[in-house]
Amino acid sequence: MKICLYLDEDSSRGELIQALRTANFDVLTTSEANNLRSPAPEQLIYATQQERVIYTYNMGDFCRLHGIYMAQGLNHSGIIVAER
């Protein structure tokens, strides 16, 4: 099973994208998906629809969203929250 990543705006740095692609990860950025400046809830919905794990530095929004999803019995494809 190959992990498909969706990098949000905050984590879409060229070096990271290149390193992940070199390591054979399937990477899509918010820019490539034409989703720049979309709010965090919309980013998570998009990632889920595309069956991609969202990769972000935005701990506050995405930890809160994960809690909401779990409380409502909803699923997402995964969230990776990284430190800068």
PDB file of N, CA and C in Angstrom:
ATOM      1  N   MET A   1       0.850  -1.183   0.000  1.00  0.00           N
ATOM      2  CA  MET A   1       0.000   0.000   0.000  1.00  0.00           C
ATOM      3  C   MET A   1       0.893   1.242   0.000  1.00  0.00           C
ATOM      4  N   LYS A   2       0.651   2.131  -0.913  1.00  0.00           N
ATOM      5  CA  LYS A   2       1.418   3.357  -1.020  1.00  0.00           C
ATOM      6  C   LYS A   2       0.675   4.485  -0.311  1.00  0.00           C
ATOM      7  N   ILE A   3       1.395   5.235   0.518  1.00  0.00           N
ATOM      8  CA  ILE A   3       0.794   6.373   1.199  1.00  0.00           C
ATOM      9  C   ILE A   3       0.813   7.566   0.253  1.00  0.00           C
ATOM     10  N   CYS A   4      -0.350   8.150   0.056  1.00  0.00           N
ATOM     11  CA  CYS A   4      -0.483   9.335  -0.781  1.00  0.00           C
ATOM     12  C   CYS A   4      -0.647  10.539   0.145  1.00  0.00           C
ATOM     13  N   LEU A   5       0.231  11.520  -0.013  1.00  0.00           N
ATOM     14  CA  LEU A   5       0.235  12.689   0.861  1.00  0.00           C
ATOM     15  C   LEU A   5      -0.370  13.904   0.185  1.00  0.00           C
ATOM     16  N   TYR A   6      -0.981  14.741   1.003  1.00  0.00           N
ATOM     17  CA  TYR A   6      -1.499  16.031   0.574  1.00  0.00           C
ATOM     18  C   TYR A   6      -0.884  17.062   1.504  1.00  0.00           C
ATOM     19  N   LEU A   7       0.039  17.883   0.986  1.00  0.00           N
ATOM     20  CA  LEU A   7       0.733  18.873   1.791  1.00  0.00           C
ATOM     21  C   LEU A   7      -0.024  20.182   1.781  1.00  0.00           C
ATOM     22  N   ASP A   8      -0.370  20.648   2.981  1.00  0.00           N
ATOM     23  CA  ASP A   8      -1.083  21.921   3.042  1.00  0.00           C
ATOM     24  C   ASP A   8      -0.127  23.077   2.782  1.00  0.00           C
ATOM     25  N   GLU A   9      -0.680  24.259   2.723  1.00  0.00           N
ATOM     26  CA  GLU A   9       0.088  25.451   2.357  1.00  0.00           C
ATOM     27  C   GLU A   9       1.314  25.670   3.230  1.00  0.00           C
ATOM     28  N   ASP A  10       1.160  25.465   4.530  1.00  0.00           N
ATOM     29  CA  ASP A  10       2.259  25.710   5.472  1.00  0.00           C
ATOM     30  C   ASP A  10       3.432  24.759   5.269  1.00  0.00           C
ATOM     31  N   SER A  11       3.169  23.584   4.777  1.00  0.00           N
ATOM     32  CA  SER A  11       4.236  22.577   4.665  1.00  0.00           C
ATOM     33  C   SER A  11       4.734  22.389   3.237  1.00  0.00           C
ATOM     34  N   SER A  12       4.264  23.188   2.327  1.00  0.00           N
ATOM     35  CA  SER A  12       4.612  23.015   0.916  1.00  0.00           C
ATOM     36  C   SER A  12       5.920  23.714   0.537  1.00  0.00           C
ATOM     37  N   ARG A  13       6.993  23.322   1.198  1.00  0.00           N
ATOM     38  CA  ARG A  13       8.309  23.859   0.850  1.00  0.00           C
ATOM     39  C   ARG A  13       8.954  22.954  -0.187  1.00  0.00           C
ATOM     40  N   GLY A  14       9.644  23.557  -1.124  1.00  0.00           N
ATOM     41  CA  GLY A  14      10.239  22.836  -2.239  1.00  0.00           C
ATOM     42  C   GLY A  14      11.158  21.705  -1.828  1.00  0.00           C
ATOM     43  N   GLU A  15      11.991  21.937  -0.799  1.00  0.00           N
ATOM     44  CA  GLU A  15      12.940  20.893  -0.378  1.00  0.00           C
ATOM     45  C   GLU A  15      12.202  19.668   0.166  1.00  0.00           C
ATOM     46  N   LEU A  16      11.153  19.908   0.940  1.00  0.00           N
ATOM     47  CA  LEU A  16      10.387  18.805   1.512  1.00  0.00           C
ATOM     48  C   LEU A  16       9.675  18.025   0.416  1.00  0.00           C
ATOM     49  N   ILE A  17       9.052  18.734  -0.495  1.00  0.00           N
ATOM     50  CA  ILE A  17       8.338  18.085  -1.594  1.00  0.00           C
ATOM     51  C   ILE A  17       9.299  17.226  -2.408  1.00  0.00           C
ATOM     52  N   GLN A  18      10.447  17.781  -2.745  1.00  0.00           N
ATOM     53  CA  GLN A  18      11.435  17.047  -3.538  1.00  0.00           C
ATOM     54  C   GLN A  18      11.934  15.816  -2.795  1.00  0.00           C
ATOM     55  N   ALA A  19      12.219  15.964  -1.498  1.00  0.00           N
ATOM     56  CA  ALA A  19      12.714  14.831  -0.707  1.00  0.00           C
ATOM     57  C   ALA A  19      11.672  13.712  -0.641  1.00  0.00           C
ATOM     58  N   LEU A  20      10.423  14.070  -0.446  1.00  0.00           N
ATOM     59  CA  LEU A  20       9.365  13.059  -0.387  1.00  0.00           C
ATOM     60  C   LEU A  20       9.188  12.366  -1.736  1.00  0.00           C
ATOM     61  N   ARG A  21       9.216  13.139  -2.795  1.00  0.00           N
ATOM     62  CA  ARG A  21       9.073  12.536  -4.124  1.00  0.00           C
ATOM     63  C   ARG A  21      10.277  11.661  -4.466  1.00  0.00           C
ATOM     64  N   THR A  22      11.464  12.081  -4.062  1.00  0.00           N
ATOM     65  CA  THR A  22      12.662  11.274  -4.284  1.00  0.00           C
ATOM     66  C   THR A  22      12.556   9.950  -3.527  1.00  0.00           C
ATOM     67  N   ALA A  23      11.906   9.989  -2.360  1.00  0.00           N
ATOM     68  CA  ALA A  23      11.694   8.776  -1.564  1.00  0.00           C
ATOM     69  C   ALA A  23      10.492   7.975  -2.069  1.00  0.00           C
ATOM     70  N   ASN A  24       9.962   8.355  -3.232  1.00  0.00           N
ATOM     71  CA  ASN A  24       8.877   7.629  -3.906  1.00  0.00           C
ATOM     72  C   ASN A  24       7.513   7.774  -3.226  1.00  0.00           C
ATOM     73  N   PHE A  25       7.291   8.897  -2.532  1.00  0.00           N
ATOM     74  CA  PHE A  25       5.964   9.175  -2.005  1.00  0.00           C
ATOM     75  C   PHE A  25       5.146   9.866  -3.093  1.00  0.00           C
ATOM     76  N   ASP A  26       3.871   9.582  -3.122  1.00  0.00           N
ATOM     77  CA  ASP A  26       2.923  10.257  -4.001  1.00  0.00           C
ATOM     78  C   ASP A  26       2.518  11.534  -3.267  1.00  0.00           C
ATOM     79  N   VAL A  27       2.927  12.696  -3.790  1.00  0.00           N
ATOM     80  CA  VAL A  27       2.719  13.974  -3.110  1.00  0.00           C
ATOM     81  C   VAL A  27       1.899  14.911  -3.987  1.00  0.00           C
ATOM     82  N   LEU A  28       0.895  15.511  -3.378  1.00  0.00           N
ATOM     83  CA  LEU A  28       0.104  16.547  -4.018  1.00  0.00           C
ATOM     84  C   LEU A  28       0.093  17.742  -3.069  1.00  0.00           C
ATOM     85  N   THR A  29       0.306  18.939  -3.579  1.00  0.00           N
ATOM     86  CA  THR A  29       0.285  20.135  -2.747  1.00  0.00           C
ATOM     87  C   THR A  29      -1.014  20.906  -2.949  1.00  0.00           C
ATOM     88  N   THR A  30      -1.295  21.789  -2.009  1.00  0.00           N
ATOM     89  CA  THR A  30      -2.500  22.618  -2.150  1.00  0.00           C
ATOM     90  C   THR A  30      -2.429  23.470  -3.411  1.00  0.00           C
ATOM     91  N   SER A  31      -1.238  23.915  -3.740  1.00  0.00           N
ATOM     92  CA  SER A  31      -1.063  24.710  -4.956  1.00  0.00           C
ATOM     93  C   SER A  31      -1.405  23.890  -6.200  1.00  0.00           C
ATOM     94  N   GLU A  32      -0.889  22.671  -6.271  1.00  0.00           N
ATOM     95  CA  GLU A  32      -1.161  21.801  -7.417  1.00  0.00           C
ATOM     96  C   GLU A  32      -2.642  21.445  -7.523  1.00  0.00           C
ATOM     97  N   ALA A  33      -3.322  21.396  -6.377  1.00  0.00           N
ATOM     98  CA  ALA A  33      -4.749  21.059  -6.350  1.00  0.00           C
ATOM     99  C   ALA A  33      -5.641  22.297  -6.493  1.00  0.00           C
ATOM    100  N   ASN A  34      -5.014  23.470  -6.689  1.00  0.00           N
ATOM    101  CA  ASN A  34      -5.750  24.734  -6.778  1.00  0.00           C
ATOM    102  C   ASN A  34      -6.587  25.007  -5.534  1.00  0.00           C
ATOM    103  N   ASN A  35      -6.013  24.685  -4.360  1.00  0.00           N
ATOM    104  CA  ASN A  35      -6.713  24.886  -3.093  1.00  0.00           C
ATOM    105  C   ASN A  35      -5.992  25.859  -2.164  1.00  0.00           C
ATOM    106  N   LEU A  36      -5.151  26.730  -2.722  1.00  0.00           N
ATOM    107  CA  LEU A  36      -4.465  27.708  -1.878  1.00  0.00           C
ATOM    108  C   LEU A  36      -5.476  28.561  -1.126  1.00  0.00           C
ATOM    109  N   ARG A  37      -5.168  28.833   0.101  1.00  0.00           N
ATOM    110  CA  ARG A  37      -5.969  29.696   0.989  1.00  0.00           C
ATOM    111  C   ARG A  37      -7.321  29.098   1.382  1.00  0.00           C
ATOM    112  N   SER A  38      -7.544  27.826   1.089  1.00  0.00           N
ATOM    113  CA  SER A  38      -8.773  27.180   1.558  1.00  0.00           C
ATOM    114  C   SER A  38      -8.641  26.925   3.057  1.00  0.00           C
ATOM    115  N   PRO A  39      -9.721  27.071   3.803  1.00  0.00           N
ATOM    116  CA  PRO A  39      -9.660  26.835   5.250  1.00  0.00           C
ATOM    117  C   PRO A  39      -9.351  25.373   5.576  1.00  0.00           C
ATOM    118  N   ALA A  40      -8.821  25.156   6.763  1.00  0.00           N
ATOM    119  CA  ALA A  40      -8.416  23.815   7.194  1.00  0.00           C
ATOM    120  C   ALA A  40      -9.533  22.775   7.043  1.00  0.00           C
ATOM    121  N   PRO A  41     -10.783  23.064   7.430  1.00  0.00           N
ATOM    122  CA  PRO A  41     -11.831  22.052   7.252  1.00  0.00           C
ATOM    123  C   PRO A  41     -11.995  21.615   5.791  1.00  0.00           C
ATOM    124  N   GLU A  42     -11.905  22.573   4.875  1.00  0.00           N
ATOM    125  CA  GLU A  42     -12.029  22.238   3.452  1.00  0.00           C
ATOM    126  C   GLU A  42     -10.824  21.434   2.969  1.00  0.00           C
ATOM    127  N   GLN A  43      -9.643  21.732   3.504  1.00  0.00           N
ATOM    128  CA  GLN A  43      -8.446  20.973   3.134  1.00  0.00           C
ATOM    129  C   GLN A  43      -8.591  19.513   3.562  1.00  0.00           C
ATOM    130  N   LEU A  44      -9.105  19.301   4.767  1.00  0.00           N
ATOM    131  CA  LEU A  44      -9.268  17.928   5.246  1.00  0.00           C
ATOM    132  C   LEU A  44     -10.331  17.187   4.442  1.00  0.00           C
ATOM    133  N   ILE A  45     -11.399  17.853   4.087  1.00  0.00           N
ATOM    134  CA  ILE A  45     -12.431  17.228   3.248  1.00  0.00           C
ATOM    135  C   ILE A  45     -11.831  16.837   1.907  1.00  0.00           C
ATOM    136  N   TYR A  46     -11.067  17.741   1.298  1.00  0.00           N
ATOM    137  CA  TYR A  46     -10.450  17.447   0.009  1.00  0.00           C
ATOM    138  C   TYR A  46      -9.505  16.252   0.121  1.00  0.00           C
ATOM    139  N   ALA A  47      -8.643  16.269   1.128  1.00  0.00           N
ATOM    140  CA  ALA A  47      -7.693  15.167   1.313  1.00  0.00           C
ATOM    141  C   ALA A  47      -8.430  13.842   1.479  1.00  0.00           C
ATOM    142  N   THR A  48      -9.502  13.859   2.241  1.00  0.00           N
ATOM    143  CA  THR A  48     -10.286  12.639   2.468  1.00  0.00           C
ATOM    144  C   THR A  48     -10.922  12.161   1.166  1.00  0.00           C
ATOM    145  N   GLN A  49     -11.477  13.064   0.396  1.00  0.00           N
ATOM    146  CA  GLN A  49     -12.091  12.693  -0.883  1.00  0.00           C
ATOM    147  C   GLN A  49     -11.064  12.093  -1.841  1.00  0.00           C
ATOM    148  N   GLN A  50      -9.833  12.569  -1.769  1.00  0.00           N
ATOM    149  CA  GLN A  50      -8.758  12.095  -2.647  1.00  0.00           C
ATOM    150  C   GLN A  50      -8.007  10.900  -2.055  1.00  0.00           C
ATOM    151  N   GLU A  51      -8.433  10.453  -0.879  1.00  0.00           N
ATOM    152  CA  GLU A  51      -7.798   9.339  -0.150  1.00  0.00           C
ATOM    153  C   GLU A  51      -6.319   9.623   0.091  1.00  0.00           C
ATOM    154  N   ARG A  52      -6.050  10.855   0.558  1.00  0.00           N
ATOM    155  CA  ARG A  52      -4.693  11.293   0.854  1.00  0.00           C
ATOM    156  C   ARG A  52      -4.574  11.650   2.332  1.00  0.00           C
ATOM    157  N   VAL A  53      -3.405  11.412   2.877  1.00  0.00           N
ATOM    158  CA  VAL A  53      -3.082  11.793   4.246  1.00  0.00           C
ATOM    159  C   VAL A  53      -2.606  13.238   4.209  1.00  0.00           C
ATOM    160  N   ILE A  54      -3.221  14.089   5.012  1.00  0.00           N
ATOM    161  CA  ILE A  54      -2.800  15.484   5.013  1.00  0.00           C
ATOM    162  C   ILE A  54      -1.561  15.635   5.889  1.00  0.00           C
ATOM    163  N   TYR A  55      -0.583  16.390   5.397  1.00  0.00           N
ATOM    164  CA  TYR A  55       0.667  16.665   6.099  1.00  0.00           C
ATOM    165  C   TYR A  55       0.685  18.162   6.373  1.00  0.00           C
ATOM    166  N   THR A  56       0.824  18.525   7.649  1.00  0.00           N
ATOM    167  CA  THR A  56       0.678  19.921   8.035  1.00  0.00           C
ATOM    168  C   THR A  56       1.554  20.261   9.224  1.00  0.00           C
ATOM    169  N   TYR A  57       1.781  21.537   9.422  1.00  0.00           N
ATOM    170  CA  TYR A  57       2.404  22.056  10.647  1.00  0.00           C
ATOM    171  C   TYR A  57       1.335  22.685  11.543  1.00  0.00           C
ATOM    172  N   ASN A  58       0.114  22.719  11.099  1.00  0.00           N
ATOM    173  CA  ASN A  58      -0.985  23.402  11.771  1.00  0.00           C
ATOM    174  C   ASN A  58      -1.624  22.486  12.824  1.00  0.00           C
ATOM    175  N   MET A  59      -0.960  22.378  13.963  1.00  0.00           N
ATOM    176  CA  MET A  59      -1.429  21.481  15.014  1.00  0.00           C
ATOM    177  C   MET A  59      -2.797  21.888  15.549  1.00  0.00           C
ATOM    178  N   GLY A  60      -2.994  23.166  15.801  1.00  0.00           N
ATOM    179  CA  GLY A  60      -4.240  23.621  16.410  1.00  0.00           C
ATOM    180  C   GLY A  60      -5.473  23.240  15.618  1.00  0.00           C
ATOM    181  N   ASP A  61      -5.507  23.630  14.360  1.00  0.00           N
ATOM    182  CA  ASP A  61      -6.695  23.360  13.551  1.00  0.00           C
ATOM    183  C   ASP A  61      -6.907  21.873  13.305  1.00  0.00           C
ATOM    184  N   PHE A  62      -5.842  21.156  12.972  1.00  0.00           N
ATOM    185  CA  PHE A  62      -6.042  19.769  12.565  1.00  0.00           C
ATOM    186  C   PHE A  62      -6.246  18.814  13.744  1.00  0.00           C
ATOM    187  N   CYS A  63      -5.701  19.128  14.902  1.00  0.00           N
ATOM    188  CA  CYS A  63      -6.020  18.323  16.089  1.00  0.00           C
ATOM    189  C   CYS A  63      -7.476  18.534  16.486  1.00  0.00           C
ATOM    190  N   ARG A  64      -7.930  19.780  16.387  1.00  0.00           N
ATOM    191  CA  ARG A  64      -9.334  20.083  16.674  1.00  0.00           C
ATOM    192  C   ARG A  64     -10.248  19.383  15.676  1.00  0.00           C
ATOM    193  N   LEU A  65      -9.896  19.451  14.393  1.00  0.00           N
ATOM    194  CA  LEU A  65     -10.714  18.789  13.367  1.00  0.00           C
ATOM    195  C   LEU A  65     -10.752  17.281  13.566  1.00  0.00           C
ATOM    196  N   HIS A  66      -9.628  16.695  13.927  1.00  0.00           N
ATOM    197  CA  HIS A  66      -9.601  15.252  14.182  1.00  0.00           C
ATOM    198  C   HIS A  66     -10.575  14.906  15.315  1.00  0.00           C
ATOM    199  N   GLY A  67     -10.553  15.700  16.374  1.00  0.00           N
ATOM    200  CA  GLY A  67     -11.477  15.479  17.491  1.00  0.00           C
ATOM    201  C   GLY A  67     -12.931  15.567  17.061  1.00  0.00           C
ATOM    202  N   ILE A  68     -13.239  16.531  16.224  1.00  0.00           N
ATOM    203  CA  ILE A  68     -14.606  16.687  15.716  1.00  0.00           C
ATOM    204  C   ILE A  68     -15.009  15.470  14.886  1.00  0.00           C
ATOM    205  N   TYR A  69     -14.110  15.044  14.012  1.00  0.00           N
ATOM    206  CA  TYR A  69     -14.400  13.865  13.177  1.00  0.00           C
ATOM    207  C   TYR A  69     -14.671  12.647  14.046  1.00  0.00           C
ATOM    208  N   MET A  70     -13.831  12.428  15.050  1.00  0.00           N
ATOM    209  CA  MET A  70     -13.992  11.253  15.907  1.00  0.00           C
ATOM    210  C   MET A  70     -15.296  11.337  16.706  1.00  0.00           C
ATOM    211  N   ALA A  71     -15.615  12.521  17.230  1.00  0.00           N
ATOM    212  CA  ALA A  71     -16.841  12.695  18.011  1.00  0.00           C
ATOM    213  C   ALA A  71     -18.082  12.462  17.163  1.00  0.00           C
ATOM    214  N   GLN A  72     -17.999  12.773  15.878  1.00  0.00           N
ATOM    215  CA  GLN A  72     -19.153  12.616  14.988  1.00  0.00           C
ATOM    216  C   GLN A  72     -19.150  11.280  14.250  1.00  0.00           C
ATOM    217  N   GLY A  73     -18.164  10.422  14.538  1.00  0.00           N
ATOM    218  CA  GLY A  73     -18.087   9.126  13.875  1.00  0.00           C
ATOM    219  C   GLY A  73     -17.688   9.217  12.414  1.00  0.00           C
ATOM    220  N   LEU A  74     -16.998  10.291  12.039  1.00  0.00           N
ATOM    221  CA  LEU A  74     -16.556  10.478  10.658  1.00  0.00           C
ATOM    222  C   LEU A  74     -15.141   9.938  10.486  1.00  0.00           C
ATOM    223  N   ASN A  75     -14.779   9.631   9.263  1.00  0.00           N
ATOM    224  CA  ASN A  75     -13.436   9.140   8.958  1.00  0.00           C
ATOM    225  C   ASN A  75     -12.699  10.124   8.068  1.00  0.00           C
ATOM    226  N   HIS A  76     -11.385  10.102   8.175  1.00  0.00           N
ATOM    227  CA  HIS A  76     -10.524  10.816   7.246  1.00  0.00           C
ATOM    228  C   HIS A  76      -9.379   9.870   6.906  1.00  0.00           C
ATOM    229  N   SER A  77      -8.562  10.247   5.950  1.00  0.00           N
ATOM    230  CA  SER A  77      -7.481   9.358   5.487  1.00  0.00           C
ATOM    231  C   SER A  77      -6.237   9.418   6.357  1.00  0.00           C
ATOM    232  N   GLY A  78      -6.208  10.361   7.264  1.00  0.00           N
ATOM    233  CA  GLY A  78      -5.070  10.497   8.172  1.00  0.00           C
ATOM    234  C   GLY A  78      -4.555  11.912   8.194  1.00  0.00           C
ATOM    235  N   ILE A  79      -3.930  12.251   9.317  1.00  0.00           N
ATOM    236  CA  ILE A  79      -3.349  13.577   9.505  1.00  0.00           C
ATOM    237  C   ILE A  79      -1.963  13.397  10.104  1.00  0.00           C
ATOM    238  N   ILE A  80      -0.972  13.959   9.458  1.00  0.00           N
ATOM    239  CA  ILE A  80       0.377  14.002  10.018  1.00  0.00           C
ATOM    240  C   ILE A  80       0.639  15.449  10.401  1.00  0.00           C
ATOM    241  N   VAL A  81       0.873  15.677  11.683  1.00  0.00           N
ATOM    242  CA  VAL A  81       1.209  17.014  12.162  1.00  0.00           C
ATOM    243  C   VAL A  81       2.693  16.993  12.511  1.00  0.00           C
ATOM    244  N   ALA A  82       3.472  17.801  11.792  1.00  0.00           N
ATOM    245  CA  ALA A  82       4.920  17.838  11.987  1.00  0.00           C
ATOM    246  C   ALA A  82       5.322  19.142  12.670  1.00  0.00           C
ATOM    247  N   GLU A  83       6.471  19.095  13.332  1.00  0.00           N
ATOM    248  CA  GLU A  83       7.037  20.326  13.902  1.00  0.00           C
ATOM    249  C   GLU A  83       7.941  20.972  12.879  1.00  0.00           C
ATOM    250  N   ARG A  84       7.996  22.270  12.920  1.00  0.00           N
ATOM    251  CA  ARG A  84       8.883  23.013  12.005  1.00  0.00           C
ATOM    252  C   ARG A  84      10.311  22.891  12.438  1.00  0.00           C
TER     253      ARG A  84
END
